Amino acid sequence: LRRLDRAMADPEVAERITEQIGADFAAGDDGMELRIQALQQCMARLSPEDRELVEIRYADETSLADFARRINRPDSSLRTTLQRLRAALRKCISSRLATAPYTG
Protein backbone atom coordinates (compact mmCIF):
# COMPACT_ATOMS: atom_id res chain seq x y z
CA LEU A 1 0.00 0.00 0.00
CA ARG A 2 2.91 2.38 0.54
CA ARG A 3 3.85 1.95 -3.13
CA LEU A 4 0.29 2.81 -4.08
CA ASP A 5 0.30 5.87 -1.82
CA ARG A 6 3.54 7.06 -3.44
CA ALA A 7 2.17 6.37 -6.91
CA MET A 8 -1.12 8.16 -6.23
CA ALA A 9 0.79 11.14 -4.80
CA ASP A 10 2.50 11.50 -8.18
CA PRO A 11 0.21 13.71 -10.31
CA GLU A 12 1.46 12.07 -13.51
CA VAL A 13 0.41 8.60 -12.31
CA ALA A 14 -3.01 9.88 -11.23
CA GLU A 15 -3.38 11.57 -14.61
CA ARG A 16 -2.42 8.39 -16.51
CA ILE A 17 -4.98 6.39 -14.56
CA THR A 18 -7.72 8.96 -15.06
CA GLU A 19 -6.94 9.17 -18.77
CA GLN A 20 -7.38 5.42 -19.01
CA ILE A 21 -10.72 5.47 -17.26
CA GLY A 22 -12.02 8.18 -19.55
CA ALA A 23 -11.88 11.26 -17.35
CA ASP A 24 -11.19 14.40 -19.37
CA PHE A 25 -8.33 16.14 -17.59
CA ALA A 26 -6.52 19.19 -18.83
CA ALA A 27 -3.42 20.54 -17.11
CA GLY A 28 -5.23 23.65 -15.86
CA ASP A 29 -8.54 21.99 -15.10
CA ASP A 30 -10.09 23.61 -12.02
CA GLY A 31 -11.68 20.30 -11.04
CA MET A 32 -8.43 18.33 -11.18
CA GLU A 33 -7.88 18.25 -7.43
CA LEU A 34 -11.46 17.14 -6.80
CA ARG A 35 -11.15 14.42 -9.44
CA ILE A 36 -7.85 13.16 -8.05
CA GLN A 37 -9.40 13.03 -4.58
CA ALA A 38 -12.32 11.04 -6.01
CA LEU A 39 -9.86 8.70 -7.75
CA GLN A 40 -7.93 8.17 -4.51
CA GLN A 41 -11.14 7.43 -2.61
CA CYS A 42 -12.29 5.02 -5.29
CA MET A 43 -8.90 3.30 -5.46
CA ALA A 44 -9.09 2.80 -1.68
CA ARG A 45 -12.34 0.87 -2.16
CA LEU A 46 -10.68 -1.69 -4.46
CA SER A 47 -9.28 -4.90 -3.04
CA PRO A 48 -5.54 -4.80 -2.31
CA GLU A 49 -4.90 -7.10 -5.29
CA ASP A 50 -6.90 -4.91 -7.67
CA ARG A 51 -5.23 -1.72 -6.38
CA GLU A 52 -1.85 -3.30 -6.97
CA LEU A 53 -2.78 -4.28 -10.52
CA VAL A 54 -3.86 -0.74 -11.35
CA GLU A 55 -0.86 0.83 -9.62
CA ILE A 56 1.70 -1.39 -11.32
CA ARG A 57 0.05 -1.11 -14.73
CA TYR A 58 0.02 2.68 -14.77
CA ALA A 59 2.89 3.64 -12.45
CA ASP A 60 5.47 1.36 -14.04
CA GLU A 61 4.39 2.13 -17.63
CA THR A 62 5.10 -1.42 -18.75
CA SER A 63 3.39 -2.93 -21.76
CA LEU A 64 0.38 -5.12 -21.10
CA ALA A 65 2.19 -8.17 -22.50
CA ASP A 66 5.25 -7.60 -20.29
CA PHE A 67 3.09 -6.98 -17.25
CA ALA A 68 1.04 -10.14 -17.93
CA ARG A 69 4.22 -12.21 -18.25
CA ARG A 70 5.62 -10.73 -15.06
CA ILE A 71 2.55 -11.71 -13.03
CA ASN A 72 2.08 -14.99 -14.88
CA ARG A 73 -1.36 -14.24 -16.33
CA PRO A 74 -2.64 -14.49 -19.89
CA ASP A 75 -2.80 -11.13 -21.71
CA SER A 76 -6.51 -11.53 -22.39
CA SER A 77 -7.31 -12.22 -18.74
CA LEU A 78 -5.32 -9.23 -17.55
CA ARG A 79 -6.87 -6.99 -20.22
CA THR A 80 -10.37 -8.03 -19.13
CA THR A 81 -9.56 -7.48 -15.46
CA LEU A 82 -8.15 -4.01 -16.15
CA GLN A 83 -11.19 -3.10 -18.27
CA ARG A 84 -13.46 -4.17 -15.41
CA LEU A 85 -11.43 -2.16 -12.91
CA ARG A 86 -11.43 0.95 -15.12
CA ALA A 87 -15.20 0.68 -15.51
CA ALA A 88 -15.64 0.36 -11.74
CA LEU A 89 -13.37 3.35 -11.13
CA ARG A 90 -15.16 5.40 -13.80
CA LYS A 91 -18.53 4.68 -12.18
CA CYS A 92 -17.23 5.41 -8.68
CA ILE A 93 -15.57 8.68 -9.70
CA SER A 94 -18.67 9.84 -11.58
CA SER A 95 -20.79 9.10 -8.54
CA ARG A 96 -18.45 10.95 -6.19
CA LEU A 97 -18.20 13.96 -8.49
CA ALA A 98 -21.98 14.10 -8.88
CA THR A 99 -22.40 14.39 -5.13
CA ALA A 100 -19.40 16.65 -4.48
CA PRO A 101 -20.12 20.28 -3.64
CA TYR A 102 -19.25 22.66 -6.47
CA THR A 103 -16.38 24.98 -5.50
CA GLY A 104 -15.92 26.90 -8.77
C-alpha atoms as a PDB file:
ATOM      1  CA  LEU A   1       0.000   0.000   0.000  1.00  0.00           C
ATOM      2  CA  ARG A   2       2.911   2.377   0.543  1.00  0.00           C
ATOM      3  CA  ARG A   3       3.851   1.952  -3.125  1.00  0.00           C
ATOM      4  CA  LEU A   4       0.289   2.808  -4.081  1.00  0.00           C
ATOM      5  CA  ASP A   5       0.304   5.871  -1.820  1.00  0.00           C
ATOM      6  CA  ARG A   6       3.538   7.060  -3.440  1.00  0.00           C
ATOM      7  CA  ALA A   7       2.172   6.374  -6.908  1.00  0.00           C
ATOM      8  CA  MET A   8      -1.115   8.156  -6.227  1.00  0.00           C
ATOM      9  CA  ALA A   9       0.792  11.142  -4.799  1.00  0.00           C
ATOM     10  CA  ASP A  10       2.496  11.504  -8.180  1.00  0.00           C
ATOM     11  CA  PRO A  11       0.215  13.714 -10.309  1.00  0.00           C
ATOM     12  CA  GLU A  12       1.463  12.066 -13.509  1.00  0.00           C
ATOM     13  CA  VAL A  13       0.409   8.601 -12.314  1.00  0.00           C
ATOM     14  CA  ALA A  14      -3.009   9.879 -11.227  1.00  0.00           C
ATOM     15  CA  GLU A  15      -3.381  11.571 -14.614  1.00  0.00           C
ATOM     16  CA  ARG A  16      -2.418   8.386 -16.514  1.00  0.00           C
ATOM     17  CA  ILE A  17      -4.982   6.393 -14.556  1.00  0.00           C
ATOM     18  CA  THR A  18      -7.720   8.962 -15.057  1.00  0.00           C
ATOM     19  CA  GLU A  19      -6.945   9.172 -18.774  1.00  0.00           C
ATOM     20  CA  GLN A  20      -7.377   5.417 -19.011  1.00  0.00           C
ATOM     21  CA  ILE A  21     -10.725   5.467 -17.258  1.00  0.00           C
ATOM     22  CA  GLY A  22     -12.023   8.176 -19.547  1.00  0.00           C
ATOM     23  CA  ALA A  23     -11.877  11.260 -17.348  1.00  0.00           C
ATOM     24  CA  ASP A  24     -11.194  14.400 -19.368  1.00  0.00           C
ATOM     25  CA  PHE A  25      -8.326  16.143 -17.591  1.00  0.00           C
ATOM     26  CA  ALA A  26      -6.516  19.187 -18.825  1.00  0.00           C
ATOM     27  CA  ALA A  27      -3.417  20.541 -17.106  1.00  0.00           C
ATOM     28  CA  GLY A  28      -5.229  23.647 -15.859  1.00  0.00           C
ATOM     29  CA  ASP A  29      -8.545  21.986 -15.098  1.00  0.00           C
ATOM     30  CA  ASP A  30     -10.093  23.613 -12.019  1.00  0.00           C
ATOM     31  CA  GLY A  31     -11.678  20.295 -11.037  1.00  0.00           C
ATOM     32  CA  MET A  32      -8.428  18.325 -11.178  1.00  0.00           C
ATOM     33  CA  GLU A  33      -7.880  18.253  -7.427  1.00  0.00           C
ATOM     34  CA  LEU A  34     -11.456  17.143  -6.800  1.00  0.00           C
ATOM     35  CA  ARG A  35     -11.151  14.417  -9.441  1.00  0.00           C
ATOM     36  CA  ILE A  36      -7.848  13.160  -8.052  1.00  0.00           C
ATOM     37  CA  GLN A  37      -9.396  13.033  -4.584  1.00  0.00           C
ATOM     38  CA  ALA A  38     -12.318  11.040  -6.007  1.00  0.00           C
ATOM     39  CA  LEU A  39      -9.862   8.696  -7.747  1.00  0.00           C
ATOM     40  CA  GLN A  40      -7.931   8.174  -4.512  1.00  0.00           C
ATOM     41  CA  GLN A  41     -11.143   7.428  -2.606  1.00  0.00           C
ATOM     42  CA  CYS A  42     -12.292   5.016  -5.289  1.00  0.00           C
ATOM     43  CA  MET A  43      -8.902   3.296  -5.464  1.00  0.00           C
ATOM     44  CA  ALA A  44      -9.088   2.803  -1.683  1.00  0.00           C
ATOM     45  CA  ARG A  45     -12.338   0.872  -2.163  1.00  0.00           C
ATOM     46  CA  LEU A  46     -10.684  -1.691  -4.455  1.00  0.00           C
ATOM     47  CA  SER A  47      -9.283  -4.903  -3.044  1.00  0.00           C
ATOM     48  CA  PRO A  48      -5.539  -4.802  -2.310  1.00  0.00           C
ATOM     49  CA  GLU A  49      -4.898  -7.099  -5.293  1.00  0.00           C
ATOM     50  CA  ASP A  50      -6.902  -4.907  -7.668  1.00  0.00           C
ATOM     51  CA  ARG A  51      -5.234  -1.720  -6.381  1.00  0.00           C
ATOM     52  CA  GLU A  52      -1.847  -3.302  -6.965  1.00  0.00           C
ATOM     53  CA  LEU A  53      -2.783  -4.283 -10.523  1.00  0.00           C
ATOM     54  CA  VAL A  54      -3.856  -0.736 -11.350  1.00  0.00           C
ATOM     55  CA  GLU A  55      -0.862   0.825  -9.624  1.00  0.00           C
ATOM     56  CA  ILE A  56       1.699  -1.388 -11.317  1.00  0.00           C
ATOM     57  CA  ARG A  57       0.052  -1.115 -14.729  1.00  0.00           C
ATOM     58  CA  TYR A  58       0.017   2.683 -14.766  1.00  0.00           C
ATOM     59  CA  ALA A  59       2.889   3.641 -12.455  1.00  0.00           C
ATOM     60  CA  ASP A  60       5.473   1.355 -14.042  1.00  0.00           C
ATOM     61  CA  GLU A  61       4.388   2.125 -17.625  1.00  0.00           C
ATOM     62  CA  THR A  62       5.098  -1.424 -18.752  1.00  0.00           C
ATOM     63  CA  SER A  63       3.387  -2.926 -21.764  1.00  0.00           C
ATOM     64  CA  LEU A  64       0.383  -5.123 -21.098  1.00  0.00           C
ATOM     65  CA  ALA A  65       2.188  -8.168 -22.496  1.00  0.00           C
ATOM     66  CA  ASP A  66       5.251  -7.602 -20.289  1.00  0.00           C
ATOM     67  CA  PHE A  67       3.094  -6.984 -17.252  1.00  0.00           C
ATOM     68  CA  ALA A  68       1.039 -10.137 -17.928  1.00  0.00           C
ATOM     69  CA  ARG A  69       4.216 -12.213 -18.251  1.00  0.00           C
ATOM     70  CA  ARG A  70       5.623 -10.731 -15.056  1.00  0.00           C
ATOM     71  CA  ILE A  71       2.553 -11.709 -13.032  1.00  0.00           C
ATOM     72  CA  ASN A  72       2.083 -14.995 -14.879  1.00  0.00           C
ATOM     73  CA  ARG A  73      -1.358 -14.235 -16.330  1.00  0.00           C
ATOM     74  CA  PRO A  74      -2.636 -14.487 -19.889  1.00  0.00           C
ATOM     75  CA  ASP A  75      -2.797 -11.132 -21.715  1.00  0.00           C
ATOM     76  CA  SER A  76      -6.509 -11.527 -22.391  1.00  0.00           C
ATOM     77  CA  SER A  77      -7.311 -12.221 -18.743  1.00  0.00           C
ATOM     78  CA  LEU A  78      -5.323  -9.229 -17.553  1.00  0.00           C
ATOM     79  CA  ARG A  79      -6.869  -6.989 -20.222  1.00  0.00           C
ATOM     80  CA  THR A  80     -10.374  -8.032 -19.130  1.00  0.00           C
ATOM     81  CA  THR A  81      -9.564  -7.475 -15.455  1.00  0.00           C
ATOM     82  CA  LEU A  82      -8.152  -4.008 -16.154  1.00  0.00           C
ATOM     83  CA  GLN A  83     -11.193  -3.101 -18.269  1.00  0.00           C
ATOM     84  CA  ARG A  84     -13.458  -4.170 -15.407  1.00  0.00           C
ATOM     85  CA  LEU A  85     -11.425  -2.156 -12.907  1.00  0.00           C
ATOM     86  CA  ARG A  86     -11.425   0.949 -15.117  1.00  0.00           C
ATOM     87  CA  ALA A  87     -15.201   0.684 -15.513  1.00  0.00           C
ATOM     88  CA  ALA A  88     -15.641   0.358 -11.742  1.00  0.00           C
ATOM     89  CA  LEU A  89     -13.367   3.348 -11.126  1.00  0.00           C
ATOM     90  CA  ARG A  90     -15.161   5.401 -13.799  1.00  0.00           C
ATOM     91  CA  LYS A  91     -18.530   4.679 -12.184  1.00  0.00           C
ATOM     92  CA  CYS A  92     -17.232   5.406  -8.681  1.00  0.00           C
ATOM     93  CA  ILE A  93     -15.568   8.684  -9.703  1.00  0.00           C
ATOM     94  CA  SER A  94     -18.671   9.840 -11.575  1.00  0.00           C
ATOM     95  CA  SER A  95     -20.792   9.101  -8.542  1.00  0.00           C
ATOM     96  CA  ARG A  96     -18.451  10.954  -6.188  1.00  0.00           C
ATOM     97  CA  LEU A  97     -18.198  13.962  -8.487  1.00  0.00           C
ATOM     98  CA  ALA A  98     -21.983  14.102  -8.884  1.00  0.00           C
ATOM     99  CA  THR A  99     -22.403  14.392  -5.131  1.00  0.00           C
ATOM    100  CA  ALA A 100     -19.396  16.651  -4.478  1.00  0.00           C
ATOM    101  CA  PRO A 101     -20.120  20.278  -3.644  1.00  0.00           C
ATOM    102  CA  TYR A 102     -19.255  22.664  -6.470  1.00  0.00           C
ATOM    103  CA  THR A 103     -16.384  24.982  -5.500  1.00  0.00           C
ATOM    104  CA  GLY A 104     -15.919  26.897  -8.771  1.00  0.00           C
END
